[in-house]
PDB file of N, CA and C in Angstrom:
ATOM      1  N   MET A   1     145.670 -40.651  28.178  1.00  0.00           N
ATOM      2  CA  MET A   1     145.763 -39.329  27.573  1.00  0.00           C
ATOM      3  C   MET A   1     146.817 -38.508  28.328  1.00  0.00           C
ATOM      4  N   PRO A   2     147.679 -37.770  27.598  1.00  0.00           N
ATOM      5  CA  PRO A   2     148.732 -37.015  28.286  1.00  0.00           C
ATOM      6  C   PRO A   2     148.178 -35.825  29.065  1.00  0.00           C
ATOM      7  N   LYS A   3     148.973 -35.376  30.031  1.00  0.00           N
ATOM      8  CA  LYS A   3     148.565 -34.230  30.840  1.00  0.00           C
ATOM      9  C   LYS A   3     148.652 -32.946  30.028  1.00  0.00           C
ATOM     10  N   GLN A   4     147.829 -31.990  30.383  1.00  0.00           N
ATOM     11  CA  GLN A   4     147.872 -30.667  29.760  1.00  0.00           C
ATOM     12  C   GLN A   4     149.033 -29.882  30.358  1.00  0.00           C
ATOM     13  N   LYS A   5     149.884 -29.320  29.496  1.00  0.00           N
ATOM     14  CA  LYS A   5     151.004 -28.521  30.004  1.00  0.00           C
ATOM     15  C   LYS A   5     150.551 -27.086  30.244  1.00  0.00           C
ATOM     16  N   THR A   6     151.129 -26.454  31.262  1.00  0.00           N
ATOM     17  CA  THR A   6     150.863 -25.050  31.559  1.00  0.00           C
ATOM     18  C   THR A   6     151.563 -24.194  30.521  1.00  0.00           C
ATOM     19  N   HIS A   7     150.887 -23.187  30.008  1.00  0.00           N
ATOM     20  CA  HIS A   7     151.500 -22.232  29.077  1.00  0.00           C
ATOM     21  C   HIS A   7     152.341 -21.275  29.899  1.00  0.00           C
ATOM     22  N   LYS A   8     153.671 -21.367  29.772  1.00  0.00           N
ATOM     23  CA  LYS A   8     154.568 -20.637  30.659  1.00  0.00           C
ATOM     24  C   LYS A   8     154.474 -19.125  30.482  1.00  0.00           C
ATOM     25  N   GLY A   9     154.200 -18.662  29.266  1.00  0.00           N
ATOM     26  CA  GLY A   9     154.032 -17.223  29.039  1.00  0.00           C
ATOM     27  C   GLY A   9     152.821 -16.694  29.790  1.00  0.00           C
ATOM     28  N   ALA A  10     151.737 -17.459  29.780  1.00  0.00           N
ATOM     29  CA  ALA A  10     150.531 -17.061  30.504  1.00  0.00           C
ATOM     30  C   ALA A  10     150.758 -17.155  32.010  1.00  0.00           C
ATOM     31  N   ALA A  11     151.491 -18.161  32.448  1.00  0.00           N
ATOM     32  CA  ALA A  11     151.719 -18.357  33.880  1.00  0.00           C
ATOM     33  C   ALA A  11     152.501 -17.192  34.475  1.00  0.00           C
ATOM     34  N   LYS A  12     153.383 -16.572  33.685  1.00  0.00           N
ATOM     35  CA  LYS A  12     154.168 -15.445  34.179  1.00  0.00           C
ATOM     36  C   LYS A  12     153.340 -14.169  34.281  1.00  0.00           C
ATOM     37  N   ARG A  13     152.240 -14.098  33.549  1.00  0.00           N
ATOM     38  CA  ARG A  13     151.453 -12.865  33.471  1.00  0.00           C
ATOM     39  C   ARG A  13     150.133 -12.913  34.226  1.00  0.00           C
ATOM     40  N   LEU A  14     149.637 -14.094  34.503  1.00  0.00           N
ATOM     41  CA  LEU A  14     148.314 -14.240  35.101  1.00  0.00           C
ATOM     42  C   LEU A  14     148.389 -15.032  36.400  1.00  0.00           C
ATOM     43  N   LYS A  15     147.433 -14.776  37.298  1.00  0.00           N
ATOM     44  CA  LYS A  15     147.323 -15.536  38.541  1.00  0.00           C
ATOM     45  C   LYS A  15     145.881 -15.981  38.687  1.00  0.00           C
ATOM     46  N   VAL A  16     145.690 -17.098  39.353  1.00  0.00           N
ATOM     47  CA  VAL A  16     144.343 -17.547  39.669  1.00  0.00           C
ATOM     48  C   VAL A  16     144.105 -17.251  41.146  1.00  0.00           C
ATOM     49  N   SER A  17     143.015 -16.544  41.440  1.00  0.00           N
ATOM     50  CA  SER A  17     142.709 -16.168  42.825  1.00  0.00           C
ATOM     51  C   SER A  17     142.195 -17.387  43.586  1.00  0.00           C
ATOM     52  N   GLY A  18     142.012 -17.225  44.865  1.00  0.00           N
ATOM     53  CA  GLY A  18     141.525 -18.313  45.696  1.00  0.00           C
ATOM     54  C   GLY A  18     140.150 -18.796  45.280  1.00  0.00           C
ATOM     55  N   SER A  19     139.322 -17.872  44.760  1.00  0.00           N
ATOM     56  CA  SER A  19     137.975 -18.260  44.337  1.00  0.00           C
ATOM     57  C   SER A  19     137.945 -18.754  42.895  1.00  0.00           C
ATOM     58  N   GLY A  20     139.118 -18.774  42.223  1.00  0.00           N
ATOM     59  CA  GLY A  20     139.198 -19.331  40.876  1.00  0.00           C
ATOM     60  C   GLY A  20     139.144 -18.309  39.761  1.00  0.00           C
ATOM     61  N   LYS A  21     139.093 -17.011  40.098  1.00  0.00           N
ATOM     62  CA  LYS A  21     139.077 -15.988  39.054  1.00  0.00           C
ATOM     63  C   LYS A  21     140.487 -15.779  38.514  1.00  0.00           C
ATOM     64  N   VAL A  22     140.582 -15.462  37.217  1.00  0.00           N
ATOM     65  CA  VAL A  22     141.886 -15.209  36.601  1.00  0.00           C
ATOM     66  C   VAL A  22     142.167 -13.712  36.690  1.00  0.00           C
ATOM     67  N   ARG A  23     143.311 -13.348  37.296  1.00  0.00           N
ATOM     68  CA  ARG A  23     143.657 -11.950  37.512  1.00  0.00           C
ATOM     69  C   ARG A  23     144.867 -11.574  36.668  1.00  0.00           C
ATOM     70  N   HIS A  24     144.917 -10.317  36.241  1.00  0.00           N
ATOM     71  CA  HIS A  24     146.040  -9.840  35.432  1.00  0.00           C
ATOM     72  C   HIS A  24     146.429  -8.440  35.874  1.00  0.00           C
ATOM     73  N   ARG A  25     147.660  -8.070  35.568  1.00  0.00           N
ATOM     74  CA  ARG A  25     148.156  -6.745  35.907  1.00  0.00           C
ATOM     75  C   ARG A  25     147.612  -5.744  34.891  1.00  0.00           C
ATOM     76  N   ASN A  26     147.331  -4.531  35.328  1.00  0.00           N
ATOM     77  CA  ASN A  26     146.815  -3.518  34.415  1.00  0.00           C
ATOM     78  C   ASN A  26     147.906  -3.004  33.484  1.00  0.00           C
ATOM     79  N   ALA A  27     147.479  -2.509  32.334  1.00  0.00           N
ATOM     80  CA  ALA A  27     148.411  -1.960  31.343  1.00  0.00           C
ATOM     81  C   ALA A  27     148.880  -0.570  31.761  1.00  0.00           C
ATOM     82  N   TRP A  28     149.887  -0.056  31.080  1.00  0.00           N
ATOM     83  CA  TRP A  28     150.410   1.310  31.238  1.00  0.00           C
ATOM     84  C   TRP A  28     151.143   1.540  32.543  1.00  0.00           C
ATOM     85  N   ARG A  29     151.733   0.489  33.141  1.00  0.00           N
ATOM     86  CA  ARG A  29     152.399   0.660  34.434  1.00  0.00           C
ATOM     87  C   ARG A  29     153.918   0.516  34.365  1.00  0.00           C
ATOM     88  N   VAL A  30     154.497   0.352  33.201  1.00  0.00           N
ATOM     89  CA  VAL A  30     155.905  -0.021  33.133  1.00  0.00           C
ATOM     90  C   VAL A  30     156.846   1.182  33.219  1.00  0.00           C
ATOM     91  N   HIS A  31     156.634   2.188  32.402  1.00  0.00           N
ATOM     92  CA  HIS A  31     157.531   3.348  32.413  1.00  0.00           C
ATOM     93  C   HIS A  31     156.771   4.571  31.903  1.00  0.00           C
ATOM     94  N   ASN A  32     157.474   5.699  31.733  1.00  0.00           N
ATOM     95  CA  ASN A  32     156.886   6.967  31.264  1.00  0.00           C
ATOM     96  C   ASN A  32     155.804   7.482  32.206  1.00  0.00           C
ATOM     97  N   ARG A  33     156.085   7.448  33.489  1.00  0.00           N
ATOM     98  CA  ARG A  33     155.101   7.888  34.463  1.00  0.00           C
ATOM     99  C   ARG A  33     154.750   9.366  34.311  1.00  0.00           C
ATOM    100  N   ASN A  34     155.717  10.194  33.955  1.00  0.00           N
ATOM    101  CA  ASN A  34     155.491  11.637  33.921  1.00  0.00           C
ATOM    102  C   ASN A  34     154.582  12.091  32.784  1.00  0.00           C
ATOM    103  N   LYS A  35     154.371  11.240  31.805  1.00  0.00           N
ATOM    104  CA  LYS A  35     153.470  11.600  30.714  1.00  0.00           C
ATOM    105  C   LYS A  35     152.009  11.535  31.161  1.00  0.00           C
ATOM    106  N   ARG A  36     151.750  10.810  32.237  1.00  0.00           N
ATOM    107  CA  ARG A  36     150.370  10.571  32.648  1.00  0.00           C
ATOM    108  C   ARG A  36     150.057  11.308  33.933  1.00  0.00           C
ATOM    109  N   ASN A  37     148.842  11.807  34.037  1.00  0.00           N
ATOM    110  CA  ASN A  37     148.489  12.513  35.264  1.00  0.00           C
ATOM    111  C   ASN A  37     148.180  11.515  36.383  1.00  0.00           C
ATOM    112  N   ALA A  38     148.047  12.037  37.594  1.00  0.00           N
ATOM    113  CA  ALA A  38     147.917  11.185  38.776  1.00  0.00           C
ATOM    114  C   ALA A  38     146.672  10.312  38.710  1.00  0.00           C
ATOM    115  N   ARG A  39     145.605  10.853  38.154  1.00  0.00           N
ATOM    116  CA  ARG A  39     144.362  10.074  38.092  1.00  0.00           C
ATOM    117  C   ARG A  39     144.536   8.855  37.199  1.00  0.00           C
ATOM    118  N   ARG A  40     145.158   9.035  36.038  1.00  0.00           N
ATOM    119  CA  ARG A  40     145.389   7.899  35.140  1.00  0.00           C
ATOM    120  C   ARG A  40     146.281   6.861  35.802  1.00  0.00           C
ATOM    121  N   TRP A  41     147.305   7.347  36.486  1.00  0.00           N
ATOM    122  CA  TRP A  41     148.269   6.448  37.122  1.00  0.00           C
ATOM    123  C   TRP A  41     147.587   5.646  38.228  1.00  0.00           C
ATOM    124  N   ARG A  42     146.753   6.304  39.009  1.00  0.00           N
ATOM    125  CA  ARG A  42     146.033   5.650  40.100  1.00  0.00           C
ATOM    126  C   ARG A  42     145.097   4.565  39.574  1.00  0.00           C
ATOM    127  N   ARG A  43     144.424   4.866  38.496  1.00  0.00           N
ATOM    128  CA  ARG A  43     143.447   3.911  37.959  1.00  0.00           C
ATOM    129  C   ARG A  43     144.094   2.696  37.326  1.00  0.00           C
ATOM    130  N   ALA A  44     145.372   2.823  36.983  1.00  0.00           N
ATOM    131  CA  ALA A  44     146.084   1.685  36.404  1.00  0.00           C
ATOM    132  C   ALA A  44     146.736   0.818  37.478  1.00  0.00           C
ATOM    133  N   LYS A  45     146.505   1.150  38.755  1.00  0.00           N
ATOM    134  CA  LYS A  45     147.100   0.401  39.860  1.00  0.00           C
ATOM    135  C   LYS A  45     146.507  -0.988  39.978  1.00  0.00           C
ATOM    136  N   GLY A  46     147.260  -1.871  40.600  1.00  0.00           N
ATOM    137  CA  GLY A  46     146.714  -3.140  41.057  1.00  0.00           C
ATOM    138  C   GLY A  46     146.426  -4.150  39.960  1.00  0.00           C
ATOM    139  N   MET A  47     145.516  -5.053  40.269  1.00  0.00           N
ATOM    140  CA  MET A  47     145.179  -6.153  39.374  1.00  0.00           C
ATOM    141  C   MET A  47     143.701  -6.058  38.992  1.00  0.00           C
ATOM    142  N   SER A  48     143.368  -6.608  37.827  1.00  0.00           N
ATOM    143  CA  SER A  48     141.982  -6.692  37.377  1.00  0.00           C
ATOM    144  C   SER A  48     141.656  -8.148  37.097  1.00  0.00           C
ATOM    145  N   THR A  49     140.381  -8.448  36.989  1.00  0.00           N
ATOM    146  CA  THR A  49     139.978  -9.819  36.682  1.00  0.00           C
ATOM    147  C   THR A  49     139.532  -9.896  35.231  1.00  0.00           C
ATOM    148  N   LEU A  50     139.793 -11.040  34.630  1.00  0.00           N
ATOM    149  CA  LEU A  50     139.314 -11.290  33.276  1.00  0.00           C
ATOM    150  C   LEU A  50     137.860 -11.740  33.355  1.00  0.00           C
ATOM    151  N   GLU A  51     137.124 -11.528  32.269  1.00  0.00           N
ATOM    152  CA  GLU A  51     135.717 -11.897  32.248  1.00  0.00           C
ATOM    153  C   GLU A  51     135.386 -12.674  30.986  1.00  0.00           C
ATOM    154  N   GLY A  52     134.343 -13.456  31.073  1.00  0.00           N
ATOM    155  CA  GLY A  52     133.759 -14.123  29.916  1.00  0.00           C
ATOM    156  C   GLY A  52     134.701 -15.093  29.228  1.00  0.00           C
ATOM    157  N   GLY A  53     134.730 -14.993  27.897  1.00  0.00           N
ATOM    158  CA  GLY A  53     135.522 -15.911  27.078  1.00  0.00           C
ATOM    159  C   GLY A  53     137.001 -15.780  27.323  1.00  0.00           C
ATOM    160  N   ASN A  54     137.445 -14.561  27.628  1.00  0.00           N
ATOM    161  CA  ASN A  54     138.872 -14.365  27.911  1.00  0.00           C
ATOM    162  C   ASN A  54     139.295 -15.177  29.125  1.00  0.00           C
ATOM    163  N   GLU A  55     138.468 -15.143  30.155  1.00  0.00           N
ATOM    164  CA  GLU A  55     138.802 -15.878  31.374  1.00  0.00           C
ATOM    165  C   GLU A  55     138.857 -17.374  31.100  1.00  0.00           C
ATOM    166  N   LYS A  56     137.892 -17.861  30.340  1.00  0.00           N
ATOM    167  CA  LYS A  56     137.833 -19.281  30.017  1.00  0.00           C
ATOM    168  C   LYS A  56     139.097 -19.727  29.265  1.00  0.00           C
ATOM    169  N   ARG A  57     139.466 -18.923  28.266  1.00  0.00           N
ATOM    170  CA  ARG A  57     140.611 -19.268  27.417  1.00  0.00           C
ATOM    171  C   ARG A  57     141.916 -19.247  28.221  1.00  0.00           C
ATOM    172  N   MET A  58     142.075 -18.223  29.059  1.00  0.00           N
ATOM    173  CA  MET A  58     143.299 -18.112  29.840  1.00  0.00           C
ATOM    174  C   MET A  58     143.372 -19.184  30.926  1.00  0.00           C
ATOM    175  N   ALA A  59     142.233 -19.540  31.508  1.00  0.00           N
ATOM    176  CA  ALA A  59     142.205 -20.615  32.501  1.00  0.00           C
ATOM    177  C   ALA A  59     142.653 -21.925  31.861  1.00  0.00           C
ATOM    178  N   ARG A  60     142.269 -22.132  30.611  1.00  0.00           N
ATOM    179  CA  ARG A  60     142.671 -23.350  29.910  1.00  0.00           C
ATOM    180  C   ARG A  60     144.186 -23.362  29.688  1.00  0.00           C
ATOM    181  N   LEU A  61     144.766 -22.183  29.348  1.00  0.00           N
ATOM    182  CA  LEU A  61     146.220 -22.105  29.176  1.00  0.00           C
ATOM    183  C   LEU A  61     146.955 -22.400  30.478  1.00  0.00           C
ATOM    184  N   LEU A  62     146.331 -22.006  31.593  1.00  0.00           N
ATOM    185  CA  LEU A  62     146.955 -22.240  32.885  1.00  0.00           C
ATOM    186  C   LEU A  62     146.707 -23.659  33.404  1.00  0.00           C
ATOM    187  N   GLY A  63     145.932 -24.418  32.676  1.00  0.00           N
ATOM    188  CA  GLY A  63     145.674 -25.799  33.074  1.00  0.00           C
ATOM    189  C   GLY A  63     144.648 -25.918  34.177  1.00  0.00           C
ATOM    190  N   LYS A  64     143.727 -24.957  34.288  1.00  0.00           N
ATOM    191  CA  LYS A  64     142.689 -24.987  35.336  1.00  0.00           C
ATOM    192  C   LYS A  64     141.381 -25.452  34.759  1.00  0.00           C
TER     193      LYS A  64
END
Protein backbone atom coordinates (compact mmCIF):
# COMPACT_ATOMS: atom_id res chain seq x y z
CA MET A 1 0.00 0.00 0.00
CA PRO A 2 1.41 3.45 -0.88
CA LYS A 3 2.42 5.96 1.76
CA GLN A 4 0.06 8.75 2.77
CA LYS A 5 1.24 12.11 1.43
CA THR A 6 1.27 15.19 3.66
CA HIS A 7 -1.23 17.87 2.61
CA LYS A 8 1.14 20.77 1.96
CA GLY A 9 -1.51 23.47 2.47
CA ALA A 10 -2.30 22.07 5.91
CA ALA A 11 1.39 21.63 6.74
CA LYS A 12 2.01 25.35 6.17
CA ARG A 13 -0.83 26.35 8.51
CA LEU A 14 -0.80 23.76 11.29
CA LYS A 15 1.77 22.32 13.70
CA VAL A 16 1.70 19.21 15.83
CA SER A 17 2.84 19.83 19.42
CA GLY A 18 5.14 17.52 21.33
CA SER A 19 2.15 15.86 23.01
CA GLY A 20 0.45 15.32 19.63
CA LYS A 21 -2.11 18.14 19.70
CA VAL A 22 -2.77 20.01 16.44
CA ARG A 23 -2.15 23.76 16.85
CA HIS A 24 -3.17 26.63 14.57
CA ARG A 25 -2.66 30.37 14.41
CA ASN A 26 -5.58 32.54 15.51
CA ALA A 27 -7.62 34.51 12.99
CA TRP A 28 -7.68 38.32 12.61
CA ARG A 29 -3.91 38.81 12.97
CA VAL A 30 -2.83 39.77 9.46
CA HIS A 31 -3.60 43.47 8.99
CA ASN A 32 -6.00 46.32 9.94
CA ARG A 33 -4.76 46.47 13.50
CA ASN A 34 -6.17 49.94 14.14
CA LYS A 35 -9.75 48.83 13.56
CA ARG A 36 -9.57 46.58 16.61
CA ASN A 37 -9.16 47.55 20.22
CA ALA A 38 -6.30 46.28 22.37
CA ARG A 39 -8.38 43.62 24.09
CA ARG A 40 -9.44 42.03 20.79
CA TRP A 41 -5.88 42.16 19.51
CA ARG A 42 -4.50 40.57 22.68
CA ARG A 43 -7.00 37.73 22.59
CA ALA A 44 -6.09 36.90 19.01
CA LYS A 45 -2.43 36.40 20.01
CA GLY A 46 -0.57 33.14 19.85
CA MET A 47 -1.74 29.68 18.87
CA SER A 48 -4.84 27.63 19.71
CA THR A 49 -5.46 23.91 19.65
CA LEU A 50 -8.00 22.14 17.50
CA GLU A 51 -10.54 19.89 19.20
CA GLY A 52 -12.69 16.91 18.38
CA GLY A 53 -13.39 16.00 14.77
CA ASN A 54 -11.44 18.96 13.44
CA GLU A 55 -8.29 17.75 15.14
CA LYS A 56 -8.78 14.22 13.84
CA ARG A 57 -9.32 15.39 10.26
CA MET A 58 -6.36 17.77 10.26
CA ALA A 59 -4.06 15.17 11.85
CA ARG A 60 -4.96 12.84 8.99
CA LEU A 61 -4.03 15.55 6.44
CA LEU A 62 -0.69 15.94 8.19
CA GLY A 63 -0.09 12.21 8.02
CA LYS A 64 -0.19 11.66 11.81
